N, C-alpha and C. Protein backbone atom coordinates (compact mmCIF):
# COMPACT_ATOMS: atom_id res chain seq x y z
N MET A 1 0.84 -1.18 0.00
CA MET A 1 0.00 0.00 0.00
C MET A 1 0.88 1.25 0.00
N ILE A 2 0.60 2.19 -0.87
CA ILE A 2 1.36 3.43 -0.96
C ILE A 2 0.67 4.50 -0.13
N ASP A 3 1.44 5.09 0.79
CA ASP A 3 0.93 6.18 1.62
C ASP A 3 1.14 7.49 0.86
N LYS A 4 0.03 8.10 0.43
CA LYS A 4 0.10 9.39 -0.25
C LYS A 4 -0.67 10.41 0.57
N SER A 5 0.01 11.44 0.99
CA SER A 5 -0.62 12.51 1.75
C SER A 5 -0.15 13.83 1.17
N GLN A 6 -1.06 14.81 1.16
CA GLN A 6 -0.69 16.13 0.68
C GLN A 6 -1.20 17.17 1.67
N TYR A 7 -0.33 18.14 2.01
CA TYR A 7 -0.65 19.16 2.99
C TYR A 7 -0.23 20.53 2.47
N THR A 8 -0.86 21.55 3.00
CA THR A 8 -0.41 22.92 2.81
C THR A 8 0.02 23.41 4.18
N MET A 9 1.14 24.15 4.23
CA MET A 9 1.62 24.67 5.49
C MET A 9 2.08 26.11 5.31
N THR A 10 1.59 26.97 6.19
CA THR A 10 2.02 28.36 6.20
C THR A 10 3.10 28.50 7.26
N LEU A 11 4.23 29.06 6.85
CA LEU A 11 5.37 29.24 7.76
C LEU A 11 5.33 30.63 8.39
N ILE A 12 6.09 30.83 9.44
CA ILE A 12 6.12 32.11 10.14
C ILE A 12 6.62 33.24 9.24
N SER A 13 7.32 32.92 8.17
CA SER A 13 7.81 33.92 7.22
C SER A 13 6.70 34.39 6.28
N GLY A 14 5.57 33.69 6.28
CA GLY A 14 4.49 34.00 5.36
C GLY A 14 4.51 33.10 4.13
N ASN A 15 5.60 32.37 3.95
CA ASN A 15 5.65 31.42 2.85
C ASN A 15 4.60 30.34 3.08
N GLN A 16 4.00 29.91 2.01
CA GLN A 16 3.09 28.77 2.09
C GLN A 16 3.66 27.70 1.17
N VAL A 17 3.81 26.51 1.70
CA VAL A 17 4.39 25.41 0.93
C VAL A 17 3.42 24.26 0.81
N MET A 18 3.55 23.55 -0.29
CA MET A 18 2.78 22.33 -0.52
C MET A 18 3.70 21.17 -0.18
N ILE A 19 3.22 20.28 0.64
CA ILE A 19 4.01 19.15 1.09
C ILE A 19 3.31 17.88 0.62
N LYS A 20 4.04 17.05 -0.06
CA LYS A 20 3.47 15.79 -0.54
C LYS A 20 4.33 14.67 0.01
N ARG A 21 3.67 13.75 0.70
CA ARG A 21 4.34 12.57 1.25
C ARG A 21 3.99 11.37 0.40
N VAL A 22 5.02 10.66 -0.02
CA VAL A 22 4.81 9.42 -0.75
C VAL A 22 5.76 8.39 -0.14
N ASP A 23 5.19 7.38 0.50
CA ASP A 23 5.97 6.32 1.16
C ASP A 23 7.08 6.86 2.05
N GLY A 24 6.75 7.83 2.89
CA GLY A 24 7.71 8.36 3.85
C GLY A 24 8.62 9.44 3.32
N HIS A 25 8.65 9.66 2.02
CA HIS A 25 9.48 10.72 1.44
C HIS A 25 8.64 11.99 1.34
N ILE A 26 9.26 13.13 1.63
CA ILE A 26 8.56 14.41 1.60
C ILE A 26 9.07 15.23 0.42
N ASN A 27 8.13 15.67 -0.42
CA ASN A 27 8.43 16.61 -1.50
C ASN A 27 7.81 17.94 -1.14
N ILE A 28 8.58 19.02 -1.29
CA ILE A 28 8.12 20.35 -0.89
C ILE A 28 8.25 21.30 -2.07
N LYS A 29 7.19 22.08 -2.31
CA LYS A 29 7.26 23.11 -3.34
C LYS A 29 6.44 24.31 -2.87
N PRO A 30 6.77 25.49 -3.39
CA PRO A 30 6.02 26.68 -2.97
C PRO A 30 4.58 26.64 -3.47
N ASN A 31 3.69 27.21 -2.70
CA ASN A 31 2.31 27.37 -3.14
C ASN A 31 2.24 28.70 -3.88
N ILE A 32 2.16 28.65 -5.18
CA ILE A 32 2.20 29.88 -5.98
C ILE A 32 0.94 30.73 -5.81
N HIS A 33 -0.08 30.20 -5.16
CA HIS A 33 -1.32 30.95 -4.95
C HIS A 33 -1.42 31.55 -3.55
N ALA A 34 -0.34 31.46 -2.77
CA ALA A 34 -0.37 31.98 -1.41
C ALA A 34 -0.61 33.48 -1.39
N LYS A 35 -1.37 33.94 -0.38
CA LYS A 35 -1.72 35.36 -0.28
C LYS A 35 -0.64 36.17 0.44
N HIS A 36 0.10 35.55 1.34
CA HIS A 36 1.01 36.28 2.21
C HIS A 36 2.33 36.62 1.52
N TYR A 37 3.15 37.28 2.27
CA TYR A 37 4.50 37.64 1.83
C TYR A 37 5.20 36.40 1.31
N LYS A 38 5.85 36.53 0.19
CA LYS A 38 6.51 35.37 -0.43
C LYS A 38 7.99 35.65 -0.62
N THR A 39 8.79 34.64 -0.46
CA THR A 39 10.21 34.72 -0.75
C THR A 39 10.64 33.34 -1.25
N ALA A 40 11.67 33.30 -2.04
CA ALA A 40 12.19 32.00 -2.47
C ALA A 40 12.71 31.27 -1.22
N PHE A 41 12.82 29.96 -1.31
CA PHE A 41 13.33 29.23 -0.16
C PHE A 41 14.25 28.11 -0.59
N SER A 42 15.06 27.69 0.37
CA SER A 42 15.96 26.56 0.18
C SER A 42 15.37 25.37 0.92
N ASN A 43 15.34 24.25 0.26
CA ASN A 43 14.80 23.02 0.80
C ASN A 43 16.00 22.15 1.17
N LYS A 44 16.21 21.89 2.47
CA LYS A 44 17.41 21.17 2.91
C LYS A 44 17.06 20.01 3.83
N GLU A 45 17.97 19.07 3.89
CA GLU A 45 17.82 17.96 4.82
C GLU A 45 18.98 18.00 5.79
N LYS A 46 18.66 17.92 7.09
CA LYS A 46 19.66 17.90 8.15
C LYS A 46 19.30 16.79 9.11
N ARG A 47 20.21 15.85 9.27
CA ARG A 47 20.00 14.73 10.20
C ARG A 47 18.67 14.02 10.00
N GLY A 48 18.30 13.80 8.74
CA GLY A 48 17.07 13.08 8.43
C GLY A 48 15.80 13.91 8.51
N GLU A 49 15.91 15.18 8.84
CA GLU A 49 14.76 16.08 8.92
C GLU A 49 14.78 17.02 7.73
N ARG A 50 13.59 17.34 7.18
CA ARG A 50 13.47 18.25 6.04
C ARG A 50 13.15 19.66 6.54
N TYR A 51 13.87 20.63 6.03
CA TYR A 51 13.69 22.03 6.39
C TYR A 51 13.41 22.86 5.15
N VAL A 52 12.64 23.93 5.33
CA VAL A 52 12.42 24.94 4.31
C VAL A 52 12.89 26.26 4.92
N PHE A 53 13.99 26.79 4.37
CA PHE A 53 14.53 28.06 4.87
C PHE A 53 14.23 29.17 3.86
N PRO A 54 13.38 30.15 4.22
CA PRO A 54 13.11 31.27 3.31
C PRO A 54 14.39 32.07 3.09
N ASP A 55 14.80 32.21 1.84
CA ASP A 55 16.07 32.85 1.52
C ASP A 55 16.19 34.25 2.11
N ALA A 56 15.14 35.05 2.05
CA ALA A 56 15.20 36.43 2.55
C ALA A 56 15.42 36.49 4.06
N TYR A 57 15.05 35.43 4.77
CA TYR A 57 15.18 35.42 6.23
C TYR A 57 16.47 34.74 6.71
N MET A 58 17.27 34.22 5.80
CA MET A 58 18.49 33.49 6.18
C MET A 58 19.43 34.29 7.09
N PRO A 59 19.57 35.61 6.93
CA PRO A 59 20.44 36.35 7.85
C PRO A 59 20.00 36.28 9.32
N PHE A 60 18.75 35.89 9.57
CA PHE A 60 18.21 35.85 10.93
C PHE A 60 18.10 34.44 11.50
N ILE A 61 18.45 33.43 10.70
CA ILE A 61 18.37 32.03 11.12
C ILE A 61 19.79 31.53 11.35
N PRO A 62 20.12 30.91 12.43
CA PRO A 62 19.35 30.54 13.62
C PRO A 62 19.44 31.54 14.77
N ASP A 63 20.15 32.65 14.60
CA ASP A 63 20.35 33.58 15.72
C ASP A 63 19.06 34.17 16.27
N LYS A 64 18.21 34.71 15.41
CA LYS A 64 16.97 35.34 15.88
C LYS A 64 15.75 34.46 15.63
N LEU A 65 15.72 33.75 14.51
CA LEU A 65 14.62 32.84 14.20
C LEU A 65 15.14 31.41 14.31
N ASP A 66 14.58 30.65 15.24
CA ASP A 66 15.03 29.29 15.48
C ASP A 66 14.72 28.38 14.29
N CYS A 67 15.63 27.46 14.00
CA CYS A 67 15.46 26.52 12.88
C CYS A 67 14.19 25.68 13.01
N GLY A 68 13.73 25.45 14.24
CA GLY A 68 12.53 24.64 14.46
C GLY A 68 11.29 25.21 13.79
N LEU A 69 11.27 26.52 13.55
CA LEU A 69 10.14 27.14 12.85
C LEU A 69 10.05 26.70 11.39
N PHE A 70 11.12 26.08 10.89
CA PHE A 70 11.21 25.70 9.48
C PHE A 70 11.44 24.21 9.27
N ASN A 71 11.31 23.42 10.35
CA ASN A 71 11.51 21.97 10.29
C ASN A 71 10.21 21.31 9.84
N ILE A 72 10.10 21.13 8.53
CA ILE A 72 8.87 20.61 7.94
C ILE A 72 8.53 19.22 8.46
N SER A 73 9.53 18.36 8.61
CA SER A 73 9.28 17.00 9.11
C SER A 73 8.58 17.04 10.47
N LYS A 74 9.09 17.84 11.39
CA LYS A 74 8.53 17.94 12.73
C LYS A 74 7.18 18.66 12.71
N LEU A 75 7.09 19.74 11.94
CA LEU A 75 5.84 20.49 11.88
C LEU A 75 4.69 19.62 11.36
N VAL A 76 4.95 18.81 10.34
CA VAL A 76 3.91 17.92 9.81
C VAL A 76 3.55 16.86 10.84
N SER A 77 4.56 16.23 11.45
CA SER A 77 4.27 15.16 12.40
C SER A 77 3.57 15.68 13.67
N ASP A 78 3.81 16.95 14.03
CA ASP A 78 3.17 17.53 15.21
C ASP A 78 1.83 18.21 14.90
N GLY A 79 1.39 18.17 13.63
CA GLY A 79 0.06 18.66 13.29
C GLY A 79 -0.06 20.15 13.01
N TYR A 80 1.01 20.78 12.53
CA TYR A 80 0.96 22.22 12.24
C TYR A 80 0.49 22.54 10.82
N THR A 81 0.00 21.55 10.08
CA THR A 81 -0.47 21.81 8.73
C THR A 81 -1.71 22.69 8.78
N ASP A 82 -1.96 23.41 7.68
CA ASP A 82 -3.05 24.40 7.66
C ASP A 82 -4.43 23.78 7.86
N ASP A 83 -4.60 22.53 7.48
CA ASP A 83 -5.90 21.88 7.68
C ASP A 83 -6.16 21.53 9.14
N LYS A 84 -5.11 21.49 9.96
CA LYS A 84 -5.27 21.12 11.37
C LYS A 84 -5.09 22.28 12.33
N MET A 85 -4.32 23.30 11.93
CA MET A 85 -4.04 24.40 12.85
C MET A 85 -4.04 25.71 12.07
N ASP A 86 -4.83 26.68 12.53
CA ASP A 86 -4.93 27.95 11.81
C ASP A 86 -4.05 29.05 12.43
N TYR A 87 -3.14 28.66 13.29
CA TYR A 87 -2.21 29.61 13.91
C TYR A 87 -0.86 28.93 14.11
N ILE A 88 0.14 29.75 14.42
CA ILE A 88 1.48 29.24 14.73
C ILE A 88 1.80 29.68 16.16
N PRO A 89 2.04 28.74 17.07
CA PRO A 89 2.39 29.11 18.44
C PRO A 89 3.88 29.47 18.51
N VAL A 90 4.16 30.65 19.04
CA VAL A 90 5.52 31.18 19.02
C VAL A 90 5.90 31.70 20.39
N LEU A 91 7.16 31.46 20.75
CA LEU A 91 7.76 32.06 21.95
C LEU A 91 8.72 33.14 21.50
N ILE A 92 8.58 34.34 22.06
CA ILE A 92 9.52 35.41 21.80
C ILE A 92 10.32 35.60 23.07
N MET A 93 11.57 35.20 23.00
CA MET A 93 12.45 35.26 24.16
C MET A 93 13.18 36.61 24.10
N CYS A 94 12.99 37.40 25.15
CA CYS A 94 13.51 38.77 25.18
C CYS A 94 14.78 38.85 26.03
N ASN A 95 15.53 39.93 25.83
CA ASN A 95 16.81 40.08 26.53
C ASN A 95 16.66 40.44 28.00
N ASP A 96 15.59 41.13 28.37
CA ASP A 96 15.35 41.49 29.77
C ASP A 96 13.88 41.88 29.93
N ILE A 97 13.50 42.26 31.13
CA ILE A 97 12.10 42.57 31.42
C ILE A 97 11.63 43.83 30.68
N ILE A 98 12.52 44.80 30.49
CA ILE A 98 12.15 46.02 29.76
C ILE A 98 11.91 45.68 28.29
N ALA A 99 12.78 44.87 27.73
CA ALA A 99 12.61 44.42 26.34
C ALA A 99 11.31 43.65 26.20
N GLN A 100 11.00 42.81 27.18
CA GLN A 100 9.75 42.05 27.15
C GLN A 100 8.55 42.99 27.12
N GLY A 101 8.60 44.06 27.88
CA GLY A 101 7.51 45.03 27.89
C GLY A 101 7.33 45.69 26.53
N ARG A 102 8.45 46.03 25.88
CA ARG A 102 8.36 46.64 24.55
C ARG A 102 7.79 45.66 23.53
N VAL A 103 8.23 44.41 23.58
CA VAL A 103 7.72 43.39 22.66
C VAL A 103 6.24 43.15 22.91
N ASN A 104 5.86 43.03 24.17
CA ASN A 104 4.46 42.81 24.53
C ASN A 104 3.59 43.95 23.99
N PHE A 105 4.02 45.18 24.17
CA PHE A 105 3.27 46.34 23.69
C PHE A 105 3.17 46.34 22.16
N ALA A 106 4.27 46.04 21.48
CA ALA A 106 4.28 46.04 20.02
C ALA A 106 3.36 44.97 19.43
N LEU A 107 3.15 43.89 20.16
CA LEU A 107 2.30 42.79 19.67
C LEU A 107 0.81 43.00 19.94
N GLU A 108 0.47 44.07 20.66
CA GLU A 108 -0.93 44.34 20.97
C GLU A 108 -1.75 44.39 19.68
N ASN A 109 -2.82 43.62 19.63
CA ASN A 109 -3.73 43.52 18.48
C ASN A 109 -3.08 42.96 17.21
N LYS A 110 -1.95 42.29 17.35
CA LYS A 110 -1.27 41.69 16.18
C LYS A 110 -1.32 40.17 16.22
N VAL A 111 -1.74 39.60 17.34
CA VAL A 111 -1.79 38.16 17.52
C VAL A 111 -3.13 37.77 18.14
N ILE A 112 -3.49 36.48 18.04
CA ILE A 112 -4.80 36.07 18.55
C ILE A 112 -4.78 35.67 20.03
N HIS A 113 -3.60 35.47 20.56
CA HIS A 113 -3.46 35.15 21.99
C HIS A 113 -2.05 35.55 22.41
N LYS A 114 -1.95 36.06 23.64
CA LYS A 114 -0.65 36.50 24.13
C LYS A 114 -0.58 36.24 25.63
N ARG A 115 0.55 35.72 26.07
CA ARG A 115 0.76 35.47 27.50
C ARG A 115 2.21 35.79 27.83
N GLU A 116 2.43 36.47 28.93
CA GLU A 116 3.78 36.85 29.35
C GLU A 116 4.30 35.92 30.43
N PHE A 117 5.59 35.65 30.37
CA PHE A 117 6.29 34.89 31.39
C PHE A 117 7.46 35.76 31.86
N SER A 118 7.16 36.64 32.81
CA SER A 118 8.13 37.65 33.24
C SER A 118 9.40 37.06 33.83
N SER A 119 9.29 35.94 34.52
CA SER A 119 10.48 35.37 35.17
C SER A 119 11.53 34.90 34.17
N ILE A 120 11.09 34.61 32.95
CA ILE A 120 12.05 34.17 31.92
C ILE A 120 12.06 35.13 30.72
N HIS A 121 11.48 36.32 30.89
CA HIS A 121 11.48 37.38 29.86
C HIS A 121 11.00 36.87 28.52
N THR A 122 9.84 36.21 28.52
CA THR A 122 9.32 35.58 27.32
C THR A 122 7.85 35.93 27.13
N VAL A 123 7.47 36.09 25.86
CA VAL A 123 6.07 36.31 25.50
C VAL A 123 5.65 35.14 24.61
N SER A 124 4.58 34.47 24.98
CA SER A 124 4.03 33.37 24.18
C SER A 124 2.85 33.92 23.41
N VAL A 125 2.82 33.66 22.09
CA VAL A 125 1.73 34.17 21.26
C VAL A 125 1.25 33.10 20.30
N LYS A 126 0.03 33.29 19.83
CA LYS A 126 -0.51 32.51 18.72
C LYS A 126 -0.66 33.48 17.56
N VAL A 127 0.05 33.21 16.49
CA VAL A 127 0.02 34.07 15.30
C VAL A 127 -0.96 33.45 14.31
N ALA A 128 -2.02 34.18 13.98
CA ALA A 128 -2.99 33.68 13.00
C ALA A 128 -2.31 33.53 11.65
N LYS A 129 -2.45 32.37 11.03
CA LYS A 129 -1.84 32.15 9.72
C LYS A 129 -2.44 33.09 8.67
N THR A 130 -3.64 33.57 8.91
CA THR A 130 -4.26 34.51 7.97
C THR A 130 -3.76 35.93 8.15
N ASP A 131 -3.01 36.20 9.23
CA ASP A 131 -2.52 37.56 9.49
C ASP A 131 -1.04 37.57 9.85
N ILE A 132 -0.27 36.73 9.21
CA ILE A 132 1.17 36.69 9.46
C ILE A 132 1.85 38.03 9.17
N PRO A 133 1.44 38.78 8.14
CA PRO A 133 2.10 40.07 7.89
C PRO A 133 2.10 41.01 9.10
N SER A 134 1.03 41.02 9.89
CA SER A 134 1.00 41.88 11.09
C SER A 134 2.10 41.49 12.06
N PHE A 135 2.31 40.19 12.25
CA PHE A 135 3.37 39.71 13.14
C PHE A 135 4.74 40.05 12.56
N ILE A 136 4.94 39.78 11.28
CA ILE A 136 6.23 40.04 10.64
C ILE A 136 6.59 41.53 10.74
N ASN A 137 5.61 42.40 10.54
CA ASN A 137 5.86 43.84 10.56
C ASN A 137 6.28 44.36 11.93
N VAL A 138 6.03 43.61 12.99
CA VAL A 138 6.48 44.01 14.33
C VAL A 138 8.00 43.92 14.42
N PHE A 139 8.59 42.93 13.77
CA PHE A 139 10.02 42.66 13.92
C PHE A 139 10.88 42.98 12.70
N PHE A 140 10.23 43.16 11.56
CA PHE A 140 10.98 43.38 10.31
C PHE A 140 10.43 44.58 9.56
N ASN A 141 11.33 45.32 8.93
CA ASN A 141 10.95 46.33 7.96
C ASN A 141 11.07 45.67 6.60
N LEU A 142 10.00 45.68 5.85
CA LEU A 142 10.02 45.05 4.54
C LEU A 142 10.30 46.10 3.48
N LYS A 143 11.45 46.00 2.88
CA LYS A 143 11.84 46.92 1.82
C LYS A 143 12.10 46.11 0.57
N GLU A 144 11.41 46.46 -0.50
CA GLU A 144 11.57 45.77 -1.78
C GLU A 144 11.44 44.26 -1.62
N ASN A 145 10.43 43.86 -0.83
CA ASN A 145 10.13 42.44 -0.59
C ASN A 145 11.26 41.70 0.12
N ARG A 146 12.14 42.44 0.81
CA ARG A 146 13.24 41.85 1.56
C ARG A 146 13.10 42.29 3.02
N PRO A 147 13.10 41.36 3.96
CA PRO A 147 13.00 41.76 5.37
C PRO A 147 14.32 42.28 5.91
N LYS A 148 14.23 43.33 6.68
CA LYS A 148 15.39 43.86 7.37
C LYS A 148 14.99 43.96 8.84
N GLY A 149 15.74 43.34 9.70
CA GLY A 149 15.40 43.36 11.12
C GLY A 149 15.36 44.78 11.65
N ASN A 150 14.30 45.12 12.39
CA ASN A 150 14.20 46.46 12.95
C ASN A 150 14.84 46.50 14.35
N THR A 151 14.79 47.66 14.97
CA THR A 151 15.43 47.86 16.28
C THR A 151 14.87 46.90 17.32
N LEU A 152 13.57 46.67 17.31
CA LEU A 152 12.94 45.77 18.27
C LEU A 152 13.56 44.37 18.17
N LEU A 153 13.69 43.86 16.95
CA LEU A 153 14.28 42.53 16.76
C LEU A 153 15.75 42.53 17.18
N LYS A 154 16.50 43.51 16.75
CA LYS A 154 17.94 43.54 17.00
C LYS A 154 18.30 43.75 18.46
N GLU A 155 17.56 44.64 19.16
CA GLU A 155 17.96 45.01 20.51
C GLU A 155 17.19 44.30 21.62
N ASP A 156 15.95 43.90 21.37
CA ASP A 156 15.12 43.38 22.44
C ASP A 156 14.88 41.87 22.39
N VAL A 157 14.96 41.28 21.21
CA VAL A 157 14.63 39.87 21.05
C VAL A 157 15.88 39.01 21.05
N ALA A 158 15.91 38.03 21.94
CA ALA A 158 17.02 37.07 21.94
C ALA A 158 16.77 36.02 20.87
N GLN A 159 15.53 35.50 20.81
CA GLN A 159 15.19 34.51 19.79
C GLN A 159 13.68 34.33 19.70
N ILE A 160 13.22 34.01 18.50
CA ILE A 160 11.82 33.66 18.25
C ILE A 160 11.80 32.19 17.88
N LYS A 161 11.01 31.41 18.60
CA LYS A 161 10.99 29.97 18.35
C LYS A 161 9.58 29.41 18.46
N LEU A 162 9.42 28.22 17.96
CA LEU A 162 8.15 27.52 18.03
C LEU A 162 7.83 27.19 19.48
N ASP A 163 6.60 27.45 19.90
CA ASP A 163 6.16 27.10 21.26
C ASP A 163 5.64 25.68 21.22
N GLU A 164 6.52 24.74 21.48
CA GLU A 164 6.17 23.32 21.36
C GLU A 164 5.20 22.86 22.44
N MET A 165 5.03 23.59 23.50
CA MET A 165 4.07 23.22 24.54
C MET A 165 2.64 23.31 24.02
N ILE A 166 2.39 24.20 23.07
CA ILE A 166 1.04 24.35 22.53
C ILE A 166 0.58 23.07 21.87
N SER A 167 1.46 22.44 21.07
CA SER A 167 1.06 21.21 20.37
C SER A 167 0.80 20.08 21.35
N ILE A 168 1.49 20.09 22.48
CA ILE A 168 1.28 19.06 23.49
C ILE A 168 -0.09 19.24 24.14
N MET A 169 -0.51 20.49 24.31
CA MET A 169 -1.79 20.77 24.97
C MET A 169 -2.99 20.52 24.06
N ASN A 170 -2.80 20.60 22.74
CA ASN A 170 -3.92 20.46 21.82
C ASN A 170 -4.29 19.02 21.60
């Protein structure tokens, strides 16, 4: 029996990819009909895991944007495909409590859920896949379809990563 599965997945960069599984192998291609911000991407395999790295965001990976946000193998197996989840759970790890306050304020009305963890200077958010540009615009200035990290990203954010606790709770 041949296992054939096809998924659409929206990434935190706004890229939307089509994922096709055939007998355990994953084929990935861009969704040319995606509404959100688009950039070319590199499709790579690391230690048996498939990743999609948006080329325009490469200067920020892995220092500011954690590689886990782009690990297609894990995202599919944990149920982050668009048919199962309409948001991306994200942790924004800040440099200190003041930075956390600035990030928290900047995210007001840009995400569908927000929770602060002051003891570890972190903000947990759910980013609606239908409104990824609002989230991206908090941390990046988009010039000529190329993201440039803004002051908030450079000075206040230690790292943005997938909030894996959300998938455990769902």
